Structure formats: C-alpha cells, structure tokens
N, C-alpha and C. Protein backbone atom coordinates (compact mmCIF):
# COMPACT_ATOMS: atom_id res chain seq x y z
N MET A 1 12.84 21.20 -3.01
CA MET A 1 13.46 19.80 -3.57
C MET A 1 12.97 19.53 -5.03
N ASP A 2 13.94 19.24 -5.96
CA ASP A 2 13.50 18.85 -7.21
C ASP A 2 13.09 17.43 -7.35
N VAL A 3 11.84 17.32 -7.48
CA VAL A 3 10.86 16.25 -7.22
C VAL A 3 11.24 15.19 -8.28
N VAL A 4 11.59 15.46 -9.40
CA VAL A 4 11.77 14.74 -10.46
C VAL A 4 13.16 14.08 -10.13
N GLU A 5 14.16 14.86 -10.01
CA GLU A 5 15.61 14.23 -9.75
C GLU A 5 15.79 13.34 -8.88
N ASN A 6 14.88 13.73 -7.60
CA ASN A 6 14.82 12.81 -6.39
C ASN A 6 14.29 11.69 -6.80
N TYR A 7 13.23 11.57 -7.66
CA TYR A 7 12.47 10.27 -8.09
C TYR A 7 13.66 9.61 -8.78
N LYS A 8 13.98 10.04 -9.73
CA LYS A 8 15.00 9.43 -10.55
C LYS A 8 16.03 8.61 -9.89
N LYS A 9 16.81 9.61 -8.78
CA LYS A 9 17.77 8.81 -7.99
C LYS A 9 17.32 7.53 -7.25
N VAL A 10 16.13 7.79 -6.58
CA VAL A 10 15.47 6.59 -6.09
C VAL A 10 15.12 5.50 -6.68
N LYS A 11 14.37 5.82 -8.08
CA LYS A 11 14.19 4.55 -8.74
C LYS A 11 15.68 4.11 -9.41
N ALA A 12 16.46 4.75 -9.74
CA ALA A 12 18.06 4.09 -10.15
C ALA A 12 18.40 3.25 -8.96
N GLU A 13 18.29 3.64 -7.83
CA GLU A 13 18.85 2.95 -6.70
C GLU A 13 18.12 1.58 -6.41
N ILE A 14 16.81 1.81 -6.65
CA ILE A 14 15.80 0.70 -6.22
C ILE A 14 16.26 -0.49 -7.44
N GLU A 15 16.46 0.08 -8.76
CA GLU A 15 16.74 -0.88 -9.78
C GLU A 15 18.04 -1.60 -9.92
N THR A 16 18.90 -1.16 -9.14
CA THR A 16 20.34 -1.61 -8.97
C THR A 16 20.07 -2.94 -8.07
N ILE A 17 19.03 -2.86 -7.20
CA ILE A 17 18.67 -3.92 -6.28
C ILE A 17 17.80 -5.07 -6.98
N ASN A 18 16.85 -4.53 -7.70
CA ASN A 18 15.76 -5.39 -8.17
C ASN A 18 14.95 -4.58 -9.10
N LYS A 19 14.98 -4.65 -10.47
CA LYS A 19 14.39 -4.10 -11.29
C LYS A 19 13.20 -4.18 -11.50
N LYS A 20 12.60 -5.27 -10.88
CA LYS A 20 10.95 -5.51 -10.86
C LYS A 20 10.45 -5.02 -9.69
N THR A 21 10.94 -4.12 -8.85
CA THR A 21 10.34 -3.89 -7.44
C THR A 21 9.57 -2.56 -7.93
N ASN A 22 8.11 -2.61 -7.58
CA ASN A 22 7.02 -1.65 -7.63
C ASN A 22 7.44 -0.53 -6.91
N ILE A 23 7.54 0.46 -7.33
CA ILE A 23 7.49 2.14 -6.49
C ILE A 23 6.30 2.58 -6.39
N ILE A 24 5.89 2.57 -5.06
CA ILE A 24 4.56 3.43 -5.00
C ILE A 24 4.93 4.92 -4.41
N VAL A 25 4.85 5.76 -5.04
CA VAL A 25 5.23 7.27 -4.48
C VAL A 25 3.98 7.52 -3.39
N VAL A 26 4.26 7.91 -2.32
CA VAL A 26 3.32 8.27 -1.50
C VAL A 26 2.84 9.50 -1.38
N SER A 27 1.89 9.96 -2.04
CA SER A 27 1.49 11.00 -2.49
C SER A 27 0.41 12.11 -1.45
N LYS A 28 0.17 11.25 -0.21
CA LYS A 28 -0.60 11.85 0.82
C LYS A 28 -0.16 13.26 1.13
N THR A 29 -1.00 14.15 1.10
CA THR A 29 -0.95 15.66 1.59
C THR A 29 -0.39 16.36 0.47
N PHE A 30 0.03 15.94 -0.53
CA PHE A 30 0.65 16.88 -1.65
C PHE A 30 -0.35 16.89 -2.95
N GLN A 31 -0.48 18.03 -3.36
CA GLN A 31 -1.59 18.19 -4.40
C GLN A 31 -0.87 17.93 -5.76
N LEU A 32 -1.97 17.91 -6.70
CA LEU A 32 -1.63 17.44 -8.19
C LEU A 32 -0.36 18.25 -8.81
N GLU A 33 -0.57 19.54 -8.50
CA GLU A 33 0.60 20.56 -9.15
C GLU A 33 2.08 19.94 -8.60
N ILE A 34 2.13 19.30 -7.55
CA ILE A 34 3.57 18.72 -7.15
C ILE A 34 3.77 17.39 -7.91
N LEU A 35 2.61 16.58 -8.08
CA LEU A 35 2.94 15.46 -8.63
C LEU A 35 2.91 15.30 -10.26
N ASN A 36 2.18 16.35 -10.76
CA ASN A 36 2.05 16.25 -12.22
C ASN A 36 3.52 15.89 -12.84
N PRO A 37 4.45 16.40 -12.43
CA PRO A 37 5.90 16.15 -13.04
C PRO A 37 6.14 14.68 -13.18
N LEU A 38 5.88 13.91 -11.96
CA LEU A 38 6.06 12.59 -12.11
C LEU A 38 4.99 11.80 -12.80
N LEU A 39 3.90 12.15 -13.01
CA LEU A 39 2.90 11.62 -13.96
C LEU A 39 3.40 11.89 -15.71
N GLU A 40 4.06 13.37 -15.65
CA GLU A 40 4.41 13.33 -17.16
C GLU A 40 5.74 12.53 -17.41
N LEU A 41 6.36 12.11 -16.35
CA LEU A 41 7.68 11.18 -16.47
C LEU A 41 7.24 10.01 -16.78
N GLY A 42 5.92 9.62 -16.50
CA GLY A 42 5.34 8.05 -16.65
C GLY A 42 5.16 7.51 -15.29
N HIS A 43 5.30 7.92 -14.13
CA HIS A 43 5.11 7.20 -13.10
C HIS A 43 3.56 7.17 -12.83
N LEU A 44 3.09 6.04 -12.42
CA LEU A 44 1.65 5.74 -12.56
C LEU A 44 1.15 5.15 -11.04
N ASP A 45 2.02 4.67 -10.21
CA ASP A 45 1.52 4.15 -8.94
C ASP A 45 1.75 5.16 -7.90
N PHE A 46 0.63 5.47 -7.07
CA PHE A 46 0.69 6.53 -6.14
C PHE A 46 0.15 6.17 -4.80
N GLY A 47 0.49 6.31 -3.63
CA GLY A 47 -0.13 5.90 -2.29
C GLY A 47 -1.06 7.02 -1.57
N GLU A 48 -2.01 6.56 -1.21
CA GLU A 48 -2.93 7.77 -0.20
C GLU A 48 -3.21 7.06 1.24
N ASN A 49 -3.22 7.76 2.13
CA ASN A 49 -3.69 7.36 3.35
C ASN A 49 -5.10 7.50 3.68
N LYS A 50 -5.84 8.61 3.05
CA LYS A 50 -7.15 8.80 3.44
C LYS A 50 -7.79 8.85 2.10
N VAL A 51 -9.12 8.22 2.42
CA VAL A 51 -10.07 8.00 1.30
C VAL A 51 -10.57 9.53 0.94
N GLN A 52 -10.90 10.37 1.57
CA GLN A 52 -11.69 11.38 1.25
C GLN A 52 -10.58 12.47 0.66
N GLU A 53 -9.47 12.40 1.11
CA GLU A 53 -8.48 13.39 0.32
C GLU A 53 -7.96 12.73 -1.01
N ALA A 54 -8.10 11.34 -1.16
CA ALA A 54 -8.02 11.08 -2.54
C ALA A 54 -8.98 11.23 -3.29
N ILE A 55 -10.35 11.05 -2.91
CA ILE A 55 -11.43 11.49 -3.76
C ILE A 55 -11.24 12.76 -4.44
N LYS A 56 -11.08 13.68 -3.48
CA LYS A 56 -10.93 15.22 -3.95
C LYS A 56 -9.56 15.55 -4.97
N LYS A 57 -8.69 14.74 -4.75
CA LYS A 57 -7.25 14.96 -5.49
C LYS A 57 -7.51 14.30 -6.72
N TRP A 58 -7.91 12.97 -6.90
CA TRP A 58 -7.77 12.30 -8.05
C TRP A 58 -8.95 11.73 -8.83
N SER A 59 -10.24 11.87 -8.39
CA SER A 59 -11.52 11.63 -9.18
C SER A 59 -11.50 12.00 -10.52
N ASN A 60 -11.12 13.46 -10.83
CA ASN A 60 -11.39 13.74 -12.20
C ASN A 60 -10.23 13.24 -12.86
N LEU A 61 -9.10 13.25 -12.63
CA LEU A 61 -7.97 12.48 -13.41
C LEU A 61 -8.12 11.27 -13.88
N LYS A 62 -8.59 10.26 -12.62
CA LYS A 62 -8.85 8.99 -12.90
C LYS A 62 -9.82 8.80 -14.05
N LYS A 63 -10.70 9.35 -14.08
CA LYS A 63 -11.67 9.49 -15.26
C LYS A 63 -11.00 9.80 -16.53
N THR A 64 -9.86 10.47 -16.59
CA THR A 64 -9.59 10.62 -18.15
C THR A 64 -8.10 10.00 -18.22
N ASN A 65 -7.72 9.25 -17.14
CA ASN A 65 -6.52 8.56 -17.24
C ASN A 65 -6.52 7.28 -16.39
N ASN A 66 -6.93 6.30 -16.92
CA ASN A 66 -7.35 4.99 -16.39
C ASN A 66 -5.99 4.10 -16.22
N THR A 67 -4.64 4.71 -16.55
CA THR A 67 -3.60 4.14 -16.35
C THR A 67 -2.85 4.23 -14.87
N ILE A 68 -3.39 5.11 -14.30
CA ILE A 68 -3.18 5.67 -12.95
C ILE A 68 -3.63 4.27 -12.04
N ARG A 69 -2.54 4.00 -11.20
CA ARG A 69 -3.00 3.05 -10.01
C ARG A 69 -2.76 3.61 -8.60
N LEU A 70 -3.92 3.43 -8.09
CA LEU A 70 -3.91 4.07 -6.74
C LEU A 70 -3.92 3.14 -5.78
N HIS A 71 -3.26 3.19 -4.83
CA HIS A 71 -2.89 2.24 -3.44
C HIS A 71 -3.46 3.08 -2.23
N LEU A 72 -4.49 2.40 -1.71
CA LEU A 72 -4.76 2.90 -0.46
C LEU A 72 -3.67 2.18 0.76
N ILE A 73 -3.01 2.73 1.53
CA ILE A 73 -1.99 2.37 2.28
C ILE A 73 -2.28 2.62 3.59
N GLY A 74 -3.20 3.67 3.79
CA GLY A 74 -3.65 4.05 5.24
C GLY A 74 -4.94 3.06 5.98
N LYS A 75 -5.18 3.08 6.97
CA LYS A 75 -6.20 2.29 7.52
C LYS A 75 -7.60 2.89 6.92
N LEU A 76 -8.36 1.62 6.24
CA LEU A 76 -9.61 1.67 5.67
C LEU A 76 -10.59 1.46 6.59
N GLN A 77 -11.51 2.41 6.94
CA GLN A 77 -12.69 2.56 8.07
C GLN A 77 -14.04 1.84 7.12
N ARG A 78 -14.64 1.15 7.84
CA ARG A 78 -15.64 0.39 7.07
C ARG A 78 -16.64 1.19 6.41
N ASN A 79 -16.89 2.60 7.13
CA ASN A 79 -18.08 3.52 6.51
C ASN A 79 -17.29 4.23 5.33
N LYS A 80 -16.05 3.87 4.97
CA LYS A 80 -15.47 4.58 3.84
C LYS A 80 -15.41 3.40 2.52
N VAL A 81 -15.56 2.25 2.95
CA VAL A 81 -15.64 1.41 1.83
C VAL A 81 -16.29 1.37 0.48
N LYS A 82 -17.42 1.98 0.56
CA LYS A 82 -18.48 2.17 -0.50
C LYS A 82 -17.90 3.30 -1.51
N TYR A 83 -16.87 4.12 -1.02
CA TYR A 83 -16.27 4.99 -1.76
C TYR A 83 -14.85 4.83 -2.64
N ILE A 84 -14.38 3.45 -2.13
CA ILE A 84 -13.01 3.13 -2.89
C ILE A 84 -13.14 2.47 -4.12
N PHE A 85 -14.21 1.92 -4.61
CA PHE A 85 -14.23 1.14 -5.99
C PHE A 85 -13.95 1.99 -7.10
N ASP A 86 -14.43 3.06 -7.12
CA ASP A 86 -14.30 3.97 -8.33
C ASP A 86 -12.88 4.57 -8.34
N LEU A 87 -12.10 4.43 -7.52
CA LEU A 87 -10.67 5.25 -7.40
C LEU A 87 -9.61 4.31 -7.04
N PHE A 88 -9.78 3.40 -6.11
CA PHE A 88 -8.39 2.74 -5.76
C PHE A 88 -8.33 1.28 -6.58
N ASP A 89 -7.03 0.83 -6.77
CA ASP A 89 -6.74 -0.21 -7.58
C ASP A 89 -6.36 -1.32 -6.53
N PHE A 90 -5.81 -0.80 -5.51
CA PHE A 90 -5.12 -1.89 -4.46
C PHE A 90 -5.45 -1.13 -2.93
N VAL A 91 -5.87 -2.02 -2.08
CA VAL A 91 -5.92 -1.65 -0.42
C VAL A 91 -4.78 -2.60 0.07
N HIS A 92 -3.75 -1.87 0.78
CA HIS A 92 -2.70 -2.25 1.50
C HIS A 92 -3.23 -2.78 3.03
N SER A 93 -4.12 -2.47 3.47
CA SER A 93 -4.36 -2.42 4.83
C SER A 93 -5.73 -3.34 5.17
N LEU A 94 -5.85 -4.30 4.79
CA LEU A 94 -6.77 -5.40 5.01
C LEU A 94 -6.60 -5.89 6.31
N ASP A 95 -7.45 -5.72 7.16
CA ASP A 95 -7.13 -6.19 8.64
C ASP A 95 -8.25 -6.57 9.51
N SER A 96 -9.29 -6.65 9.21
CA SER A 96 -10.21 -7.34 10.06
C SER A 96 -11.29 -8.06 9.43
N PHE A 97 -11.82 -9.17 10.28
CA PHE A 97 -12.93 -9.90 9.72
C PHE A 97 -14.05 -8.93 9.14
N GLU A 98 -14.31 -7.94 9.79
CA GLU A 98 -15.65 -7.14 9.59
C GLU A 98 -15.39 -6.29 8.34
N LEU A 99 -14.00 -5.94 8.19
CA LEU A 99 -13.69 -5.00 6.90
C LEU A 99 -13.82 -5.96 5.73
N ALA A 100 -13.63 -7.26 5.79
CA ALA A 100 -13.49 -8.25 4.90
C ALA A 100 -14.62 -8.37 4.27
N ASP A 101 -15.79 -8.60 5.36
CA ASP A 101 -17.09 -8.77 5.02
C ASP A 101 -17.85 -7.55 4.27
N GLU A 102 -17.48 -6.03 4.75
CA GLU A 102 -17.81 -4.95 3.98
C GLU A 102 -17.31 -4.82 2.50
N LEU A 103 -15.98 -5.34 2.32
CA LEU A 103 -15.39 -5.32 1.18
C LEU A 103 -16.22 -6.22 -0.02
N ASN A 104 -16.53 -7.57 0.74
CA ASN A 104 -17.14 -8.55 -0.03
C ASN A 104 -18.65 -8.07 -0.39
N LYS A 105 -19.17 -7.17 0.44
CA LYS A 105 -20.45 -6.85 0.02
C LYS A 105 -20.54 -5.53 -1.02
N TYR A 106 -19.55 -4.73 -0.71
CA TYR A 106 -19.69 -3.87 -1.89
C TYR A 106 -18.81 -4.33 -3.22
N GLU A 107 -18.12 -5.23 -3.12
CA GLU A 107 -17.53 -5.88 -4.56
C GLU A 107 -18.83 -6.25 -5.41
N LYS A 108 -19.83 -7.20 -4.51
CA LYS A 108 -20.81 -7.44 -5.16
C LYS A 108 -21.68 -6.30 -5.85
N LEU A 109 -22.09 -5.16 -4.84
CA LEU A 109 -22.76 -4.11 -5.32
C LEU A 109 -22.48 -3.28 -6.45
N LYS A 110 -20.94 -3.19 -6.46
CA LYS A 110 -20.28 -2.49 -7.37
C LYS A 110 -19.92 -3.20 -8.70
N LYS A 111 -19.90 -4.35 -8.67
CA LYS A 111 -19.61 -5.53 -9.56
C LYS A 111 -18.20 -5.06 -10.10
N LYS A 112 -17.51 -5.00 -9.11
CA LYS A 112 -15.86 -4.81 -9.41
C LYS A 112 -14.98 -5.29 -8.13
N LYS A 113 -13.85 -6.08 -8.60
CA LYS A 113 -13.09 -6.70 -7.83
C LYS A 113 -11.69 -5.68 -7.69
N ILE A 114 -10.99 -5.77 -6.74
CA ILE A 114 -9.84 -4.76 -6.58
C ILE A 114 -8.79 -5.93 -5.75
N SER A 115 -7.59 -5.63 -5.73
CA SER A 115 -6.57 -6.29 -5.07
C SER A 115 -6.24 -6.00 -3.88
N TYR A 116 -5.58 -6.90 -2.88
CA TYR A 116 -5.53 -6.68 -1.41
C TYR A 116 -4.10 -7.16 -0.55
N PHE A 117 -3.59 -6.46 -0.02
CA PHE A 117 -2.71 -6.74 0.93
C PHE A 117 -3.13 -6.96 2.33
N ILE A 118 -2.83 -7.92 3.05
CA ILE A 118 -3.15 -8.17 4.49
C ILE A 118 -1.97 -7.52 5.30
N GLN A 119 -2.42 -6.52 6.13
CA GLN A 119 -1.48 -5.90 7.04
C GLN A 119 -1.50 -6.73 8.31
N ILE A 120 -0.26 -6.87 8.83
CA ILE A 120 0.00 -7.67 9.94
C ILE A 120 0.57 -6.74 10.90
N ASN A 121 0.02 -6.84 12.10
CA ASN A 121 0.62 -6.23 13.26
C ASN A 121 1.38 -7.12 14.20
N PHE A 122 2.41 -7.08 13.84
CA PHE A 122 3.30 -8.24 14.65
C PHE A 122 3.35 -8.08 16.30
N ASP A 123 3.48 -6.68 16.87
CA ASP A 123 3.77 -6.56 18.12
C ASP A 123 2.38 -6.15 18.94
N ASN A 124 1.44 -6.27 18.02
CA ASN A 124 -0.03 -5.63 18.40
C ASN A 124 -0.16 -4.53 19.02
N GLU A 125 0.62 -3.62 18.18
CA GLU A 125 0.59 -2.20 18.63
C GLU A 125 -0.59 -1.64 18.47
N LEU A 126 -0.97 -1.10 19.64
CA LEU A 126 -2.38 -0.36 19.52
C LEU A 126 -2.40 0.80 18.65
N GLN A 127 -1.49 1.53 18.14
CA GLN A 127 -1.46 2.84 17.60
C GLN A 127 -1.66 2.52 15.93
N LYS A 128 -1.29 1.06 15.72
CA LYS A 128 -1.18 0.68 14.26
C LYS A 128 -2.24 -0.39 14.00
N SER A 129 -2.87 -0.32 12.61
CA SER A 129 -3.63 -1.26 12.04
C SER A 129 -2.86 -2.63 11.90
N GLY A 130 -3.88 -3.48 11.50
CA GLY A 130 -3.17 -4.89 10.93
C GLY A 130 -3.77 -5.97 11.82
N ILE A 131 -4.03 -6.99 11.37
CA ILE A 131 -4.23 -8.20 11.86
C ILE A 131 -3.39 -8.88 12.89
N LYS A 132 -3.64 -9.40 14.23
CA LYS A 132 -2.76 -10.08 14.90
C LYS A 132 -2.21 -11.32 14.11
N LEU A 133 -0.84 -11.69 14.58
CA LEU A 133 -0.15 -12.65 14.10
C LEU A 133 -0.97 -13.90 14.22
N SER A 134 -1.50 -14.00 15.56
CA SER A 134 -2.12 -15.38 16.05
C SER A 134 -3.36 -15.58 15.22
N GLU A 135 -4.01 -14.51 14.38
CA GLU A 135 -5.24 -14.51 14.03
C GLU A 135 -5.07 -14.82 12.37
N PHE A 136 -3.72 -14.53 12.00
CA PHE A 136 -3.31 -14.55 10.60
C PHE A 136 -3.93 -15.54 9.56
N GLU A 137 -3.56 -16.83 9.79
CA GLU A 137 -4.18 -17.93 9.23
C GLU A 137 -5.59 -18.06 9.01
N SER A 138 -6.35 -18.00 10.04
CA SER A 138 -7.75 -17.97 10.03
C SER A 138 -8.16 -16.90 9.19
N PHE A 139 -7.65 -15.56 9.42
CA PHE A 139 -7.93 -14.57 8.54
C PHE A 139 -7.81 -14.46 7.14
N LEU A 140 -6.63 -15.17 6.68
CA LEU A 140 -6.23 -15.36 5.52
C LEU A 140 -7.30 -16.35 4.66
N ASN A 141 -7.68 -17.35 5.45
CA ASN A 141 -8.53 -18.55 4.67
C ASN A 141 -9.88 -17.80 4.65
N TYR A 142 -10.33 -16.94 5.73
CA TYR A 142 -11.62 -16.21 5.48
C TYR A 142 -11.55 -15.20 4.49
N CYS A 143 -10.44 -14.32 3.99
CA CYS A 143 -10.54 -13.46 3.13
C CYS A 143 -10.64 -14.15 1.70
N LYS A 144 -10.12 -15.21 1.74
CA LYS A 144 -10.01 -15.91 0.29
C LYS A 144 -11.18 -16.91 0.10
N ASN A 145 -11.73 -17.33 1.29
CA ASN A 145 -12.64 -18.51 0.80
C ASN A 145 -14.04 -17.93 1.12
N LYS A 146 -14.16 -17.16 2.36
CA LYS A 146 -15.68 -16.88 2.75
C LYS A 146 -15.89 -15.45 2.02
N ALA A 147 -15.14 -14.67 2.13
CA ALA A 147 -15.37 -13.09 1.78
C ALA A 147 -15.03 -13.07 0.06
N SER A 148 -14.08 -14.13 -0.43
CA SER A 148 -13.85 -14.13 -1.95
C SER A 148 -13.01 -12.88 -2.30
N LEU A 149 -11.87 -12.45 -1.46
CA LEU A 149 -11.31 -11.17 -1.76
C LEU A 149 -10.08 -11.70 -2.71
N ASN A 150 -9.55 -11.01 -3.53
CA ASN A 150 -8.27 -11.17 -4.24
C ASN A 150 -7.14 -10.75 -3.47
N VAL A 151 -6.81 -11.65 -2.45
CA VAL A 151 -5.67 -11.32 -1.73
C VAL A 151 -4.34 -11.66 -2.23
N ILE A 152 -3.30 -10.69 -2.95
CA ILE A 152 -2.28 -10.97 -3.46
C ILE A 152 -0.85 -10.60 -2.70
N GLY A 153 -0.94 -10.33 -1.50
CA GLY A 153 0.07 -9.88 -0.71
C GLY A 153 -0.06 -9.54 0.77
N LEU A 154 1.17 -9.51 1.33
CA LEU A 154 1.16 -8.98 2.96
C LEU A 154 1.83 -7.70 2.87
N MET A 155 1.41 -6.86 3.79
CA MET A 155 2.09 -5.61 4.12
C MET A 155 2.39 -5.65 5.51
N CYS A 156 3.69 -4.93 5.72
CA CYS A 156 4.05 -4.61 7.29
C CYS A 156 4.69 -3.41 7.39
N ILE A 157 4.57 -2.77 8.62
CA ILE A 157 5.24 -1.59 9.09
C ILE A 157 5.96 -1.98 10.24
N PRO A 158 7.30 -2.36 10.17
CA PRO A 158 8.14 -2.66 11.38
C PRO A 158 7.67 -1.78 12.52
N PRO A 159 7.67 -2.15 13.87
CA PRO A 159 7.60 -1.30 15.01
C PRO A 159 8.67 -0.24 15.12
N PHE A 160 8.40 1.04 15.50
CA PHE A 160 9.06 2.14 15.52
C PHE A 160 10.46 1.96 16.42
N LYS A 161 11.69 2.10 16.23
CA LYS A 161 12.87 2.15 16.75
C LYS A 161 13.17 0.56 17.04
N LYS A 162 12.56 -0.12 16.41
CA LYS A 162 13.14 -1.61 16.31
C LYS A 162 13.96 -1.87 14.86
N ASP A 163 14.76 -2.90 15.02
CA ASP A 163 15.40 -3.23 14.01
C ASP A 163 14.51 -3.85 12.96
N PRO A 164 14.31 -3.35 11.65
CA PRO A 164 13.01 -3.98 10.83
C PRO A 164 13.36 -5.26 9.94
N LEU A 165 14.70 -5.65 10.02
CA LEU A 165 15.12 -6.80 9.31
C LEU A 165 14.38 -8.05 9.70
N SER A 166 14.05 -8.22 11.32
CA SER A 166 13.56 -9.37 11.41
C SER A 166 12.14 -9.51 11.05
N TYR A 167 11.36 -8.56 10.89
CA TYR A 167 10.33 -8.38 10.48
C TYR A 167 10.13 -8.55 9.20
N PHE A 168 10.81 -8.13 8.33
CA PHE A 168 10.76 -8.23 7.13
C PHE A 168 11.08 -9.73 6.54
N LYS A 169 12.09 -10.35 7.30
CA LYS A 169 12.47 -11.60 7.01
C LYS A 169 11.22 -12.63 7.50
N TYR A 170 10.51 -12.35 8.48
CA TYR A 170 9.45 -12.96 8.93
C TYR A 170 8.30 -12.91 7.94
N THR A 171 8.05 -11.71 7.39
CA THR A 171 6.99 -11.58 6.46
C THR A 171 7.32 -12.46 5.14
N ARG A 172 8.34 -12.44 4.99
CA ARG A 172 8.83 -13.10 3.74
C ARG A 172 8.70 -14.57 3.89
N GLU A 173 9.04 -15.12 5.09
CA GLU A 173 8.78 -16.56 5.44
C GLU A 173 7.23 -16.74 5.47
N LEU A 174 6.50 -16.06 5.90
CA LEU A 174 5.06 -16.39 6.08
C LEU A 174 4.39 -16.08 4.58
N ALA A 175 4.94 -15.26 3.47
CA ALA A 175 4.46 -15.13 2.42
C ALA A 175 4.65 -16.56 1.62
N PHE A 176 5.86 -16.83 2.00
CA PHE A 176 6.45 -18.11 1.44
C PHE A 176 5.52 -19.32 1.74
N LYS A 177 5.40 -19.48 2.93
CA LYS A 177 4.49 -20.58 3.59
C LYS A 177 3.19 -20.61 2.84
N HIS A 178 2.55 -19.55 2.56
CA HIS A 178 1.39 -19.48 2.24
C HIS A 178 1.26 -19.38 0.70
N ASN A 179 2.28 -19.30 -0.09
CA ASN A 179 2.10 -19.20 -1.55
C ASN A 179 1.64 -17.82 -1.79
N ILE A 180 2.13 -16.84 -1.22
CA ILE A 180 1.62 -15.27 -1.48
C ILE A 180 2.90 -14.82 -2.08
N SER A 181 2.82 -14.05 -3.25
CA SER A 181 3.88 -13.82 -4.07
C SER A 181 4.08 -12.21 -3.88
N ASN A 182 3.26 -11.50 -3.29
CA ASN A 182 3.76 -9.89 -3.16
C ASN A 182 4.03 -9.49 -1.68
N LEU A 183 4.90 -8.63 -1.63
CA LEU A 183 5.02 -7.96 -0.11
C LEU A 183 5.25 -6.58 -0.36
N SER A 184 4.29 -5.79 0.45
CA SER A 184 4.47 -4.59 0.78
C SER A 184 4.97 -4.15 2.01
N MET A 185 6.58 -3.99 1.63
CA MET A 185 7.44 -3.62 2.77
C MET A 185 8.41 -2.56 2.53
N GLY A 186 8.77 -1.59 3.31
CA GLY A 186 9.85 -0.62 3.07
C GLY A 186 9.34 0.63 2.69
N MET A 187 9.83 1.52 3.43
CA MET A 187 9.50 2.97 3.09
C MET A 187 10.91 3.86 2.91
N SER A 188 10.83 5.26 3.03
CA SER A 188 11.88 6.01 2.73
C SER A 188 13.20 5.64 3.37
N ASN A 189 13.09 5.25 4.55
CA ASN A 189 14.24 4.79 5.36
C ASN A 189 14.65 3.63 5.62
N ASP A 190 14.03 2.72 4.87
CA ASP A 190 14.48 1.18 4.95
C ASP A 190 13.92 0.55 3.81
N PHE A 191 13.81 1.10 2.52
CA PHE A 191 13.40 0.35 1.41
C PHE A 191 14.50 -0.48 0.81
N GLN A 192 15.67 -0.06 0.97
CA GLN A 192 16.89 -1.20 0.43
C GLN A 192 16.67 -2.52 1.24
N ASP A 193 16.66 -2.40 2.39
CA ASP A 193 16.72 -3.66 3.23
C ASP A 193 15.43 -4.32 2.81
N ALA A 194 14.30 -3.78 2.76
CA ALA A 194 13.11 -4.26 2.39
C ALA A 194 13.18 -5.08 1.02
N ILE A 195 13.79 -4.37 0.01
CA ILE A 195 14.07 -5.05 -1.20
C ILE A 195 14.99 -6.46 -1.06
N ASN A 196 16.02 -6.28 -0.29
CA ASN A 196 16.75 -7.39 -0.09
C ASN A 196 15.84 -8.52 0.48
N PHE A 197 15.00 -8.12 1.25
CA PHE A 197 14.14 -9.47 1.79
C PHE A 197 12.96 -9.80 1.23
N GLY A 198 12.72 -9.21 -0.15
CA GLY A 198 11.87 -9.82 -1.14
C GLY A 198 10.78 -8.94 -1.35
N SER A 199 10.76 -7.49 -0.84
CA SER A 199 9.69 -6.67 -1.03
C SER A 199 9.43 -6.55 -2.45
N THR A 200 7.98 -6.61 -2.97
CA THR A 200 7.70 -6.00 -4.24
C THR A 200 7.06 -4.65 -4.49
N HIS A 201 6.84 -4.14 -3.42
CA HIS A 201 6.21 -3.05 -3.64
C HIS A 201 6.74 -2.16 -2.35
N VAL A 202 7.58 -1.06 -2.67
CA VAL A 202 7.94 -0.34 -1.67
C VAL A 202 7.15 1.15 -1.51
N ARG A 203 6.98 1.88 -0.50
CA ARG A 203 6.10 2.81 -0.25
C ARG A 203 7.17 4.13 -0.16
N VAL A 204 7.57 4.74 -0.89
CA VAL A 204 8.34 5.91 -0.56
C VAL A 204 7.83 7.27 -0.97
N GLY A 205 7.83 8.22 0.10
CA GLY A 205 7.44 9.38 -0.21
C GLY A 205 8.53 10.62 0.32
N THR A 206 8.85 10.58 1.41
CA THR A 206 9.84 11.63 2.19
C THR A 206 11.15 11.78 1.29
N ILE A 207 11.67 10.80 0.89
CA ILE A 207 12.95 10.95 0.07
C ILE A 207 12.79 11.54 -1.20
N ILE A 208 11.37 11.52 -1.75
CA ILE A 208 11.20 12.30 -3.10
C ILE A 208 10.81 13.63 -2.74
N PHE A 209 9.95 13.92 -1.75
CA PHE A 209 9.41 15.08 -1.67
C PHE A 209 10.21 16.03 -0.48
N GLY A 210 10.77 15.29 0.50
CA GLY A 210 11.16 15.97 1.58
C GLY A 210 10.23 15.82 2.78
N ASN A 211 10.44 16.20 3.77
CA ASN A 211 9.29 16.29 4.95
C ASN A 211 8.16 17.10 4.70
N ARG A 212 7.01 16.25 4.74
CA ARG A 212 5.78 17.07 4.45
C ARG A 212 5.01 17.62 5.51
N LEU A 213 4.54 18.62 4.89
CA LEU A 213 3.88 19.58 5.74
C LEU A 213 2.55 18.93 6.53
N ALA A 214 2.14 19.30 7.60
CA ALA A 214 0.78 18.88 7.94
C ALA A 214 -0.35 19.42 7.31
N ARG A 215 -1.11 18.80 6.58
CA ARG A 215 -2.41 19.68 5.74
C ARG A 215 -3.35 18.75 5.92
N THR A 216 -4.61 19.52 5.61
CA THR A 216 -5.89 18.81 5.74
C THR A 216 -6.51 18.38 4.63
C-alpha cells in the first residue's frame, strides 16, 4: 500500500470535518523505514502501544528531532513508568490511582511533566484498561490535586460490536461537565463519527498501513 497517499486521503477527509483535529498515526509494529516517508512529509504525531518497542524504535531519532510527538496509547504498566519520560510526550491510558502515584513520583525524579488522558472503561471490560466510570470523578480529582498530573483529556475505546456513538457522546458530555478540552476518540473504522462528537485526537493506523502483521 502507498502509505503517503493513504495518509493524504485520511488527512483530507479529516480536514473536511474539522481542520483542528490532531491525527495520531498508530505506528506500533512498524519500523522506521515504513514511517520515514510520513516524517519527511512533516507528520509529527505517532502512537505506540508498548514502551519497550518504542524505546528501540524512537530513542535515537528523538534525540536529533525533538519536534516528534510520541503518544503512548497502550496500557502503561507501573514498572515501565521510569522509562517513558525521555521519550513520550503524551500518555492516553492513565487508568489507576497506583499508576498516578508512580507517575507523580517519576515526574519529580525526572524533573519533567508530560500530558495525560484519562482512559475510561465504560462497561468494565476485563480485557481493556481504563478507570471505572463510577470512580471517574474521584480519580480525576486525585490526579489533578494529589498527584499533580497535567490531565488534558479523556480517552475511550467503545466496546467491540457495540454502536460507538453513544460512548462518544457520553465522553464528550463528561469532558464538558469537568471542563476538559481534549478527547482521544476514534480509530480507523470510526474516526469520522468520533470527530463529529468532538474528538480532538484520532488514532489511525490500519487505514494508512493496511492490516498490520503480528510482530515482536
């Protein structure tokens, strides 16, 4: 597949809906030789699922190009927190009080702050990360006031095989209620609907690269 042409088509479609939407190209499992044409085109926002993979892929490049913005969109394990501050600019999967404490600890040690999206698990799906909706308000207050984290948005992944629109709508309402301005919603199969419901950051990969192969 022509990665550049696919990217241009997606970007053009997104801009017809909202020119201010941030496009996060989901680069997990793909090596830099596949991503370089997008970098050369000027795209700067990339999403990774695994910390160790991102370290191997991006560490050297980030040292020479600090305009690249990396988004951790997969679950962040507490034992990996110490590794993220030299690499990632955003974490989209803030989902537990324990993780908030660990991030606060290492922000102080590293003397660096990054930005966070709280991931919400609407249906308490065991296979997904995310804070339970019943705990959201107390968790948001804890992250902001106790852990002193820079929470800039909410992130949601609607349950598989369910209509995503109600989840996008509820996330938008929740953000509005709590004066949160950023929403990380929408992937390759539903980004148009997500943008129509206020998503500021869409996470797209398959529509650009095709079906990714299982890689280590």
